[in-house]
Structures are given as C-alpha cells and as structure tokens.
Amino acid sequence: MKDEDKQTYEFDLIDDLIHSRVRLATMAYLSGAGAADFNAIKAAVKATDGNISVHLRKLEDAGYLTSVKQFNGRKPQTLYEISDDGRSAWQLYLNHMSGLLAT
C-alpha cells in the first residue's frame, strides 16, 4: 500500500472528557442503564467513592450528565442520567472511535 493510500485519523476529534477510563465506563454504563444511583455506577465501573465522585462531577459540569438528589427512605440518594448534550457527545465519541478503528 502506498503512503498516499493510507487513511489518517484526526486524533484531536476524540473527546478527552469522555476518553478517560472511568468517565468512558460511566458513559457506557449509563447509556445502557438509563439512570443509576451513585453506588450502582461506582460498582459498575469499579471505582472508589472519591474517584467516581470527581469523574461524575466533571461529566456533570460539562453538561453530559444530570443529577437528581432524593431520599430513599431516610437515606440520601443521587441519581445520574445522561443529558441530551451528553447523549450527543457520546454518539459523536462512538462515531469517532469507529472511524479510528476503520483506519
């Protein structure tokens, strides 16, 4: 194959916010689960309390997640869900990954 026939990929198209291992796992989990509480996400992505809370906050601050604080009996519970902007960013990320794998 000639060099000019090789496809190149623009790596700067990859969303660095999602590309982190914990945030990627969180987005993948929530894209299938719909909404989930803090403990379910923490268990699914195998993260510590402090670690997952930092990553959830980053996704929420970027507008990729929404959160609702409520009580389950007497226990506080925070439910997270991918926002519309987050769903768009997630789909774009998946499209970019598909493009990268196709090169």
PDB file of N, CA and C in Angstrom:
ATOM      1  N   MET A   1       0.850  -1.175   0.000  1.00  0.00           N
ATOM      2  CA  MET A   1       0.000   0.000   0.000  1.00  0.00           C
ATOM      3  C   MET A   1       0.895   1.237   0.000  1.00  0.00           C
ATOM      4  N   LYS A   2       0.581   2.165  -0.847  1.00  0.00           N
ATOM      5  CA  LYS A   2       1.332   3.411  -0.915  1.00  0.00           C
ATOM      6  C   LYS A   2       0.947   4.314   0.253  1.00  0.00           C
ATOM      7  N   ASP A   3       1.871   5.182   0.638  1.00  0.00           N
ATOM      8  CA  ASP A   3       1.595   6.108   1.733  1.00  0.00           C
ATOM      9  C   ASP A   3       0.378   6.973   1.453  1.00  0.00           C
ATOM     10  N   GLU A   4       0.209   7.396   0.202  1.00  0.00           N
ATOM     11  CA  GLU A   4      -0.932   8.268  -0.105  1.00  0.00           C
ATOM     12  C   GLU A   4      -2.264   7.518  -0.047  1.00  0.00           C
ATOM     13  N   ASP A   5      -2.235   6.179  -0.070  1.00  0.00           N
ATOM     14  CA  ASP A   5      -3.457   5.392   0.025  1.00  0.00           C
ATOM     15  C   ASP A   5      -3.883   5.155   1.478  1.00  0.00           C
ATOM     16  N   LYS A   6      -2.983   5.383   2.410  1.00  0.00           N
ATOM     17  CA  LYS A   6      -3.295   5.154   3.818  1.00  0.00           C
ATOM     18  C   LYS A   6      -4.217   6.251   4.325  1.00  0.00           C
ATOM     19  N   GLN A   7      -5.206   5.835   5.102  1.00  0.00           N
ATOM     20  CA  GLN A   7      -6.100   6.807   5.717  1.00  0.00           C
ATOM     21  C   GLN A   7      -5.437   7.339   6.985  1.00  0.00           C
ATOM     22  N   THR A   8      -5.687   8.573   7.274  1.00  0.00           N
ATOM     23  CA  THR A   8      -5.201   9.141   8.523  1.00  0.00           C
ATOM     24  C   THR A   8      -6.402   9.480   9.387  1.00  0.00           C
ATOM     25  N   TYR A   9      -6.157   9.570  10.665  1.00  0.00           N
ATOM     26  CA  TYR A   9      -7.234   9.889  11.588  1.00  0.00           C
ATOM     27  C   TYR A   9      -6.856  11.132  12.376  1.00  0.00           C
ATOM     28  N   GLU A  10      -7.792  12.026  12.543  1.00  0.00           N
ATOM     29  CA  GLU A  10      -7.557  13.254  13.299  1.00  0.00           C
ATOM     30  C   GLU A  10      -7.851  12.983  14.779  1.00  0.00           C
ATOM     31  N   PHE A  11      -6.794  12.709  15.520  1.00  0.00           N
ATOM     32  CA  PHE A  11      -6.940  12.337  16.918  1.00  0.00           C
ATOM     33  C   PHE A  11      -7.502  13.454  17.783  1.00  0.00           C
ATOM     34  N   ASP A  12      -7.368  14.687  17.341  1.00  0.00           N
ATOM     35  CA  ASP A  12      -7.905  15.793  18.128  1.00  0.00           C
ATOM     36  C   ASP A  12      -9.435  15.819  18.125  1.00  0.00           C
ATOM     37  N   LEU A  13     -10.062  14.975  17.320  1.00  0.00           N
ATOM     38  CA  LEU A  13     -11.523  14.875  17.314  1.00  0.00           C
ATOM     39  C   LEU A  13     -12.050  14.083  18.512  1.00  0.00           C
ATOM     40  N   ILE A  14     -11.187  13.318  19.165  1.00  0.00           N
ATOM     41  CA  ILE A  14     -11.603  12.485  20.293  1.00  0.00           C
ATOM     42  C   ILE A  14     -11.891  13.379  21.497  1.00  0.00           C
ATOM     43  N   ASP A  15     -13.042  13.198  22.089  1.00  0.00           N
ATOM     44  CA  ASP A  15     -13.456  13.970  23.260  1.00  0.00           C
ATOM     45  C   ASP A  15     -12.656  13.494  24.476  1.00  0.00           C
ATOM     46  N   ASP A  16     -11.687  14.307  24.907  1.00  0.00           N
ATOM     47  CA  ASP A  16     -10.839  13.938  26.041  1.00  0.00           C
ATOM     48  C   ASP A  16     -11.628  13.774  27.330  1.00  0.00           C
ATOM     49  N   LEU A  17     -12.724  14.490  27.456  1.00  0.00           N
ATOM     50  CA  LEU A  17     -13.526  14.378  28.669  1.00  0.00           C
ATOM     51  C   LEU A  17     -14.106  12.970  28.808  1.00  0.00           C
ATOM     52  N   ILE A  18     -14.578  12.406  27.727  1.00  0.00           N
ATOM     53  CA  ILE A  18     -15.138  11.054  27.761  1.00  0.00           C
ATOM     54  C   ILE A  18     -14.042  10.000  27.735  1.00  0.00           C
ATOM     55  N   HIS A  19     -12.925  10.299  27.108  1.00  0.00           N
ATOM     56  CA  HIS A  19     -11.895   9.288  26.832  1.00  0.00           C
ATOM     57  C   HIS A  19     -11.190   8.745  28.078  1.00  0.00           C
ATOM     58  N   SER A  20     -11.313   9.391  29.212  1.00  0.00           N
ATOM     59  CA  SER A  20     -10.760   8.874  30.463  1.00  0.00           C
ATOM     60  C   SER A  20     -11.426   7.535  30.794  1.00  0.00           C
ATOM     61  N   ARG A  21     -10.662   6.570  31.321  1.00  0.00           N
ATOM     62  CA  ARG A  21     -11.194   5.228  31.568  1.00  0.00           C
ATOM     63  C   ARG A  21     -12.459   5.247  32.420  1.00  0.00           C
ATOM     64  N   VAL A  22     -12.440   5.944  33.538  1.00  0.00           N
ATOM     65  CA  VAL A  22     -13.590   5.941  34.443  1.00  0.00           C
ATOM     66  C   VAL A  22     -14.778   6.662  33.812  1.00  0.00           C
ATOM     67  N   ARG A  23     -14.538   7.786  33.148  1.00  0.00           N
ATOM     68  CA  ARG A  23     -15.648   8.510  32.517  1.00  0.00           C
ATOM     69  C   ARG A  23     -16.196   7.744  31.319  1.00  0.00           C
ATOM     70  N   LEU A  24     -15.339   7.082  30.580  1.00  0.00           N
ATOM     71  CA  LEU A  24     -15.784   6.245  29.462  1.00  0.00           C
ATOM     72  C   LEU A  24     -16.666   5.112  29.972  1.00  0.00           C
ATOM     73  N   ALA A  25     -16.220   4.446  31.035  1.00  0.00           N
ATOM     74  CA  ALA A  25     -17.009   3.353  31.620  1.00  0.00           C
ATOM     75  C   ALA A  25     -18.335   3.871  32.163  1.00  0.00           C
ATOM     76  N   THR A  26     -18.317   5.056  32.752  1.00  0.00           N
ATOM     77  CA  THR A  26     -19.543   5.654  33.290  1.00  0.00           C
ATOM     78  C   THR A  26     -20.538   5.955  32.175  1.00  0.00           C
ATOM     79  N   MET A  27     -20.067   6.570  31.112  1.00  0.00           N
ATOM     80  CA  MET A  27     -20.950   6.885  29.984  1.00  0.00           C
ATOM     81  C   MET A  27     -21.493   5.608  29.347  1.00  0.00           C
ATOM     82  N   ALA A  28     -20.648   4.605  29.205  1.00  0.00           N
ATOM     83  CA  ALA A  28     -21.094   3.334  28.627  1.00  0.00           C
ATOM     84  C   ALA A  28     -22.154   2.688  29.512  1.00  0.00           C
ATOM     85  N   TYR A  29     -21.916   2.686  30.806  1.00  0.00           N
ATOM     86  CA  TYR A  29     -22.874   2.089  31.741  1.00  0.00           C
ATOM     87  C   TYR A  29     -24.212   2.825  31.703  1.00  0.00           C
ATOM     88  N   LEU A  30     -24.155   4.147  31.798  1.00  0.00           N
ATOM     89  CA  LEU A  30     -25.395   4.920  31.820  1.00  0.00           C
ATOM     90  C   LEU A  30     -26.128   4.899  30.483  1.00  0.00           C
ATOM     91  N   SER A  31     -25.404   4.723  29.392  1.00  0.00           N
ATOM     92  CA  SER A  31     -26.088   4.664  28.095  1.00  0.00           C
ATOM     93  C   SER A  31     -26.970   3.424  28.008  1.00  0.00           C
ATOM     94  N   GLY A  32     -26.614   2.387  28.732  1.00  0.00           N
ATOM     95  CA  GLY A  32     -27.435   1.178  28.757  1.00  0.00           C
ATOM     96  C   GLY A  32     -28.423   1.154  29.907  1.00  0.00           C
ATOM     97  N   ALA A  33     -28.024   1.708  31.042  1.00  0.00           N
ATOM     98  CA  ALA A  33     -28.855   1.644  32.247  1.00  0.00           C
ATOM     99  C   ALA A  33     -29.937   2.716  32.278  1.00  0.00           C
ATOM    100  N   GLY A  34     -29.745   3.782  31.554  1.00  0.00           N
ATOM    101  CA  GLY A  34     -30.682   4.905  31.636  1.00  0.00           C
ATOM    102  C   GLY A  34     -30.276   5.805  32.775  1.00  0.00           C
ATOM    103  N   ALA A  35     -30.817   5.565  33.947  1.00  0.00           N
ATOM    104  CA  ALA A  35     -30.443   6.321  35.142  1.00  0.00           C
ATOM    105  C   ALA A  35     -29.936   5.336  36.180  1.00  0.00           C
ATOM    106  N   ALA A  36     -29.009   5.797  37.002  1.00  0.00           N
ATOM    107  CA  ALA A  36     -28.475   4.932  38.056  1.00  0.00           C
ATOM    108  C   ALA A  36     -27.996   5.796  39.208  1.00  0.00           C
ATOM    109  N   ASP A  37     -27.992   5.200  40.395  1.00  0.00           N
ATOM    110  CA  ASP A  37     -27.507   5.945  41.545  1.00  0.00           C
ATOM    111  C   ASP A  37     -25.992   5.823  41.677  1.00  0.00           C
ATOM    112  N   PHE A  38     -25.462   6.646  42.549  1.00  0.00           N
ATOM    113  CA  PHE A  38     -24.018   6.745  42.766  1.00  0.00           C
ATOM    114  C   PHE A  38     -23.392   5.371  43.022  1.00  0.00           C
ATOM    115  N   ASN A  39     -23.987   4.599  43.931  1.00  0.00           N
ATOM    116  CA  ASN A  39     -23.404   3.305  44.295  1.00  0.00           C
ATOM    117  C   ASN A  39     -23.433   2.302  43.151  1.00  0.00           C
ATOM    118  N   ALA A  40     -24.472   2.323  42.349  1.00  0.00           N
ATOM    119  CA  ALA A  40     -24.546   1.411  41.199  1.00  0.00           C
ATOM    120  C   ALA A  40     -23.468   1.755  40.177  1.00  0.00           C
ATOM    121  N   ILE A  41     -23.277   3.040  39.929  1.00  0.00           N
ATOM    122  CA  ILE A  41     -22.238   3.468  38.979  1.00  0.00           C
ATOM    123  C   ILE A  41     -20.864   3.109  39.526  1.00  0.00           C
ATOM    124  N   LYS A  42     -20.646   3.400  40.800  1.00  0.00           N
ATOM    125  CA  LYS A  42     -19.358   3.105  41.440  1.00  0.00           C
ATOM    126  C   LYS A  42     -19.027   1.621  41.312  1.00  0.00           C
ATOM    127  N   ALA A  43     -20.001   0.763  41.569  1.00  0.00           N
ATOM    128  CA  ALA A  43     -19.783  -0.684  41.475  1.00  0.00           C
ATOM    129  C   ALA A  43     -19.542  -1.115  40.030  1.00  0.00           C
ATOM    130  N   ALA A  44     -20.297  -0.544  39.108  1.00  0.00           N
ATOM    131  CA  ALA A  44     -20.183  -0.942  37.701  1.00  0.00           C
ATOM    132  C   ALA A  44     -18.827  -0.594  37.108  1.00  0.00           C
ATOM    133  N   VAL A  45     -18.278   0.547  37.493  1.00  0.00           N
ATOM    134  CA  VAL A  45     -17.005   0.979  36.907  1.00  0.00           C
ATOM    135  C   VAL A  45     -15.812   0.651  37.802  1.00  0.00           C
ATOM    136  N   LYS A  46     -16.108   0.022  38.949  1.00  0.00           N
ATOM    137  CA  LYS A  46     -15.061  -0.419  39.883  1.00  0.00           C
ATOM    138  C   LYS A  46     -14.155   0.738  40.313  1.00  0.00           C
ATOM    139  N   ALA A  47     -14.788   1.761  40.865  1.00  0.00           N
ATOM    140  CA  ALA A  47     -14.062   2.946  41.315  1.00  0.00           C
ATOM    141  C   ALA A  47     -14.315   3.167  42.803  1.00  0.00           C
ATOM    142  N   THR A  48     -13.468   3.956  43.421  1.00  0.00           N
ATOM    143  CA  THR A  48     -13.665   4.320  44.820  1.00  0.00           C
ATOM    144  C   THR A  48     -14.650   5.485  44.906  1.00  0.00           C
ATOM    145  N   ASP A  49     -15.150   5.741  46.106  1.00  0.00           N
ATOM    146  CA  ASP A  49     -16.085   6.857  46.307  1.00  0.00           C
ATOM    147  C   ASP A  49     -15.502   8.173  45.799  1.00  0.00           C
ATOM    148  N   GLY A  50     -14.288   8.472  46.245  1.00  0.00           N
ATOM    149  CA  GLY A  50     -13.659   9.737  45.863  1.00  0.00           C
ATOM    150  C   GLY A  50     -13.393   9.833  44.380  1.00  0.00           C
ATOM    151  N   ASN A  51     -12.939   8.733  43.801  1.00  0.00           N
ATOM    152  CA  ASN A  51     -12.608   8.717  42.383  1.00  0.00           C
ATOM    153  C   ASN A  51     -13.852   8.920  41.529  1.00  0.00           C
ATOM    154  N   ILE A  52     -14.899   8.162  41.799  1.00  0.00           N
ATOM    155  CA  ILE A  52     -16.095   8.262  40.956  1.00  0.00           C
ATOM    156  C   ILE A  52     -16.778   9.614  41.145  1.00  0.00           C
ATOM    157  N   SER A  53     -16.740  10.159  42.359  1.00  0.00           N
ATOM    158  CA  SER A  53     -17.398  11.454  42.568  1.00  0.00           C
ATOM    159  C   SER A  53     -16.714  12.558  41.760  1.00  0.00           C
ATOM    160  N   VAL A  54     -15.389  12.514  41.659  1.00  0.00           N
ATOM    161  CA  VAL A  54     -14.664  13.505  40.852  1.00  0.00           C
ATOM    162  C   VAL A  54     -15.052  13.375  39.380  1.00  0.00           C
ATOM    163  N   HIS A  55     -15.107  12.149  38.882  1.00  0.00           N
ATOM    164  CA  HIS A  55     -15.424  11.937  37.468  1.00  0.00           C
ATOM    165  C   HIS A  55     -16.885  12.260  37.156  1.00  0.00           C
ATOM    166  N   LEU A  56     -17.794  11.928  38.069  1.00  0.00           N
ATOM    167  CA  LEU A  56     -19.200  12.286  37.863  1.00  0.00           C
ATOM    168  C   LEU A  56     -19.359  13.803  37.831  1.00  0.00           C
ATOM    169  N   ARG A  57     -18.633  14.492  38.706  1.00  0.00           N
ATOM    170  CA  ARG A  57     -18.706  15.953  38.744  1.00  0.00           C
ATOM    171  C   ARG A  57     -18.201  16.554  37.434  1.00  0.00           C
ATOM    172  N   LYS A  58     -17.111  16.014  36.896  1.00  0.00           N
ATOM    173  CA  LYS A  58     -16.578  16.527  35.624  1.00  0.00           C
ATOM    174  C   LYS A  58     -17.592  16.351  34.502  1.00  0.00           C
ATOM    175  N   LEU A  59     -18.230  15.192  34.443  1.00  0.00           N
ATOM    176  CA  LEU A  59     -19.239  14.943  33.412  1.00  0.00           C
ATOM    177  C   LEU A  59     -20.458  15.843  33.611  1.00  0.00           C
ATOM    178  N   GLU A  60     -20.826  16.048  34.863  1.00  0.00           N
ATOM    179  CA  GLU A  60     -21.970  16.910  35.156  1.00  0.00           C
ATOM    180  C   GLU A  60     -21.641  18.372  34.843  1.00  0.00           C
ATOM    181  N   ASP A  61     -20.452  18.822  35.222  1.00  0.00           N
ATOM    182  CA  ASP A  61     -20.045  20.206  34.940  1.00  0.00           C
ATOM    183  C   ASP A  61     -19.989  20.485  33.436  1.00  0.00           C
ATOM    184  N   ALA A  62     -19.663  19.462  32.648  1.00  0.00           N
ATOM    185  CA  ALA A  62     -19.610  19.613  31.190  1.00  0.00           C
ATOM    186  C   ALA A  62     -21.002  19.565  30.564  1.00  0.00           C
ATOM    187  N   GLY A  63     -22.013  19.235  31.366  1.00  0.00           N
ATOM    188  CA  GLY A  63     -23.372  19.140  30.849  1.00  0.00           C
ATOM    189  C   GLY A  63     -23.696  17.787  30.249  1.00  0.00           C
ATOM    190  N   TYR A  64     -22.825  16.806  30.455  1.00  0.00           N
ATOM    191  CA  TYR A  64     -23.045  15.468  29.898  1.00  0.00           C
ATOM    192  C   TYR A  64     -23.960  14.615  30.774  1.00  0.00           C
ATOM    193  N   LEU A  65     -24.032  14.940  32.057  1.00  0.00           N
ATOM    194  CA  LEU A  65     -24.901  14.219  32.988  1.00  0.00           C
ATOM    195  C   LEU A  65     -25.799  15.194  33.719  1.00  0.00           C
ATOM    196  N   THR A  66     -26.957  14.698  34.130  1.00  0.00           N
ATOM    197  CA  THR A  66     -27.810  15.427  35.058  1.00  0.00           C
ATOM    198  C   THR A  66     -27.897  14.592  36.328  1.00  0.00           C
ATOM    199  N   SER A  67     -28.140  15.253  37.435  1.00  0.00           N
ATOM    200  CA  SER A  67     -28.292  14.524  38.693  1.00  0.00           C
ATOM    201  C   SER A  67     -29.520  15.031  39.426  1.00  0.00           C
ATOM    202  N   VAL A  68     -30.136  14.114  40.140  1.00  0.00           N
ATOM    203  CA  VAL A  68     -31.292  14.437  40.966  1.00  0.00           C
ATOM    204  C   VAL A  68     -31.022  13.858  42.345  1.00  0.00           C
ATOM    205  N   LYS A  69     -31.085  14.718  43.349  1.00  0.00           N
ATOM    206  CA  LYS A  69     -30.890  14.258  44.723  1.00  0.00           C
ATOM    207  C   LYS A  69     -32.266  13.992  45.319  1.00  0.00           C
ATOM    208  N   GLN A  70     -32.394  12.838  45.950  1.00  0.00           N
ATOM    209  CA  GLN A  70     -33.661  12.458  46.557  1.00  0.00           C
ATOM    210  C   GLN A  70     -33.372  11.603  47.781  1.00  0.00           C
ATOM    211  N   PHE A  71     -34.416  11.182  48.445  1.00  0.00           N
ATOM    212  CA  PHE A  71     -34.263  10.285  49.583  1.00  0.00           C
ATOM    213  C   PHE A  71     -34.904   8.950  49.256  1.00  0.00           C
ATOM    214  N   ASN A  72     -34.221   7.896  49.627  1.00  0.00           N
ATOM    215  CA  ASN A  72     -34.732   6.534  49.525  1.00  0.00           C
ATOM    216  C   ASN A  72     -34.921   6.083  50.969  1.00  0.00           C
ATOM    217  N   GLY A  73     -36.155   6.226  51.464  1.00  0.00           N
ATOM    218  CA  GLY A  73     -36.375   6.065  52.899  1.00  0.00           C
ATOM    219  C   GLY A  73     -35.733   7.251  53.590  1.00  0.00           C
ATOM    220  N   ARG A  74     -34.796   6.983  54.487  1.00  0.00           N
ATOM    221  CA  ARG A  74     -34.085   8.061  55.175  1.00  0.00           C
ATOM    222  C   ARG A  74     -32.706   8.315  54.587  1.00  0.00           C
ATOM    223  N   LYS A  75     -32.342   7.533  53.599  1.00  0.00           N
ATOM    224  CA  LYS A  75     -31.002   7.660  53.018  1.00  0.00           C
ATOM    225  C   LYS A  75     -31.014   8.580  51.800  1.00  0.00           C
ATOM    226  N   PRO A  76     -30.091   9.540  51.768  1.00  0.00           N
ATOM    227  CA  PRO A  76     -29.989  10.374  50.568  1.00  0.00           C
ATOM    228  C   PRO A  76     -29.476   9.550  49.391  1.00  0.00           C
ATOM    229  N   GLN A  77     -29.966   9.867  48.226  1.00  0.00           N
ATOM    230  CA  GLN A  77     -29.584   9.129  47.018  1.00  0.00           C
ATOM    231  C   GLN A  77     -29.485  10.125  45.862  1.00  0.00           C
ATOM    232  N   THR A  78     -28.422   9.990  45.090  1.00  0.00           N
ATOM    233  CA  THR A  78     -28.258  10.827  43.903  1.00  0.00           C
ATOM    234  C   THR A  78     -28.359   9.945  42.676  1.00  0.00           C
ATOM    235  N   LEU A  79     -29.293  10.280  41.803  1.00  0.00           N
ATOM    236  CA  LEU A  79     -29.468   9.559  40.545  1.00  0.00           C
ATOM    237  C   LEU A  79     -28.829  10.365  39.423  1.00  0.00           C
ATOM    238  N   TYR A  80     -28.096   9.669  38.568  1.00  0.00           N
ATOM    239  CA  TYR A  80     -27.431  10.296  37.425  1.00  0.00           C
ATOM    240  C   TYR A  80     -28.014   9.745  36.136  1.00  0.00           C
ATOM    241  N   GLU A  81     -28.077  10.614  35.140  1.00  0.00           N
ATOM    242  CA  GLU A  81     -28.587  10.234  33.827  1.00  0.00           C
ATOM    243  C   GLU A  81     -27.840  11.047  32.770  1.00  0.00           C
ATOM    244  N   ILE A  82     -27.651  10.465  31.603  1.00  0.00           N
ATOM    245  CA  ILE A  82     -27.007  11.198  30.515  1.00  0.00           C
ATOM    246  C   ILE A  82     -27.989  12.244  29.989  1.00  0.00           C
ATOM    247  N   SER A  83     -27.521  13.474  29.868  1.00  0.00           N
ATOM    248  CA  SER A  83     -28.346  14.567  29.342  1.00  0.00           C
ATOM    249  C   SER A  83     -28.421  14.469  27.816  1.00  0.00           C
ATOM    250  N   ASP A  84     -29.236  15.308  27.216  1.00  0.00           N
ATOM    251  CA  ASP A  84     -29.312  15.345  25.750  1.00  0.00           C
ATOM    252  C   ASP A  84     -27.955  15.709  25.147  1.00  0.00           C
ATOM    253  N   ASP A  85     -27.285  16.704  25.746  1.00  0.00           N
ATOM    254  CA  ASP A  85     -25.949  17.075  25.264  1.00  0.00           C
ATOM    255  C   ASP A  85     -24.968  15.922  25.452  1.00  0.00           C
ATOM    256  N   GLY A  86     -25.092  15.234  26.572  1.00  0.00           N
ATOM    257  CA  GLY A  86     -24.228  14.087  26.836  1.00  0.00           C
ATOM    258  C   GLY A  86     -24.458  12.961  25.849  1.00  0.00           C
ATOM    259  N   ARG A  87     -25.726  12.741  25.498  1.00  0.00           N
ATOM    260  CA  ARG A  87     -26.044  11.687  24.525  1.00  0.00           C
ATOM    261  C   ARG A  87     -25.460  12.031  23.154  1.00  0.00           C
ATOM    262  N   SER A  88     -25.538  13.292  22.784  1.00  0.00           N
ATOM    263  CA  SER A  88     -24.938  13.732  21.513  1.00  0.00           C
ATOM    264  C   SER A  88     -23.427  13.562  21.539  1.00  0.00           C
ATOM    265  N   ALA A  89     -22.801  13.962  22.646  1.00  0.00           N
ATOM    266  CA  ALA A  89     -21.344  13.826  22.779  1.00  0.00           C
ATOM    267  C   ALA A  89     -20.934  12.356  22.774  1.00  0.00           C
ATOM    268  N   TRP A  90     -21.726  11.510  23.423  1.00  0.00           N
ATOM    269  CA  TRP A  90     -21.448  10.070  23.472  1.00  0.00           C
ATOM    270  C   TRP A  90     -21.531   9.463  22.072  1.00  0.00           C
ATOM    271  N   GLN A  91     -22.564   9.813  21.325  1.00  0.00           N
ATOM    272  CA  GLN A  91     -22.718   9.283  19.972  1.00  0.00           C
ATOM    273  C   GLN A  91     -21.582   9.756  19.071  1.00  0.00           C
ATOM    274  N   LEU A  92     -21.210  11.012  19.199  1.00  0.00           N
ATOM    275  CA  LEU A  92     -20.093  11.547  18.422  1.00  0.00           C
ATOM    276  C   LEU A  92     -18.795  10.825  18.785  1.00  0.00           C
ATOM    277  N   TYR A  93     -18.591  10.577  20.071  1.00  0.00           N
ATOM    278  CA  TYR A  93     -17.406   9.840  20.529  1.00  0.00           C
ATOM    279  C   TYR A  93     -17.376   8.442  19.898  1.00  0.00           C
ATOM    280  N   LEU A  94     -18.511   7.753  19.931  1.00  0.00           N
ATOM    281  CA  LEU A  94     -18.580   6.405  19.346  1.00  0.00           C
ATOM    282  C   LEU A  94     -18.308   6.446  17.846  1.00  0.00           C
ATOM    283  N   ASN A  95     -18.825   7.456  17.174  1.00  0.00           N
ATOM    284  CA  ASN A  95     -18.569   7.602  15.739  1.00  0.00           C
ATOM    285  C   ASN A  95     -17.085   7.821  15.468  1.00  0.00           C
ATOM    286  N   HIS A  96     -16.447   8.654  16.291  1.00  0.00           N
ATOM    287  CA  HIS A  96     -15.009   8.896  16.125  1.00  0.00           C
ATOM    288  C   HIS A  96     -14.203   7.626  16.391  1.00  0.00           C
ATOM    289  N   MET A  97     -14.601   6.864  17.386  1.00  0.00           N
ATOM    290  CA  MET A  97     -13.891   5.610  17.676  1.00  0.00           C
ATOM    291  C   MET A  97     -14.054   4.625  16.516  1.00  0.00           C
ATOM    292  N   SER A  98     -15.239   4.576  15.938  1.00  0.00           N
ATOM    293  CA  SER A  98     -15.460   3.712  14.767  1.00  0.00           C
ATOM    294  C   SER A  98     -14.573   4.145  13.612  1.00  0.00           C
ATOM    295  N   GLY A  99     -14.470   5.453  13.416  1.00  0.00           N
ATOM    296  CA  GLY A  99     -13.600   5.975  12.360  1.00  0.00           C
ATOM    297  C   GLY A  99     -12.145   5.641  12.604  1.00  0.00           C
ATOM    298  N   LEU A 100     -11.729   5.736  13.844  1.00  0.00           N
ATOM    299  CA  LEU A 100     -10.352   5.405  14.196  1.00  0.00           C
ATOM    300  C   LEU A 100     -10.067   3.932  13.937  1.00  0.00           C
ATOM    301  N   LEU A 101     -10.990   3.076  14.322  1.00  0.00           N
ATOM    302  CA  LEU A 101     -10.795   1.636  14.131  1.00  0.00           C
ATOM    303  C   LEU A 101     -10.819   1.242  12.662  1.00  0.00           C
ATOM    304  N   ALA A 102     -11.479   2.042  11.844  1.00  0.00           N
ATOM    305  CA  ALA A 102     -11.568   1.737  10.415  1.00  0.00           C
ATOM    306  C   ALA A 102     -10.314   2.144   9.646  1.00  0.00           C
ATOM    307  N   THR A 103      -9.443   2.947  10.271  1.00  0.00           N
ATOM    308  CA  THR A 103      -8.236   3.394   9.553  1.00  0.00           C
ATOM    309  C   THR A 103      -7.152   2.346   9.581  1.00  0.00           C
TER     310      THR A 103
END
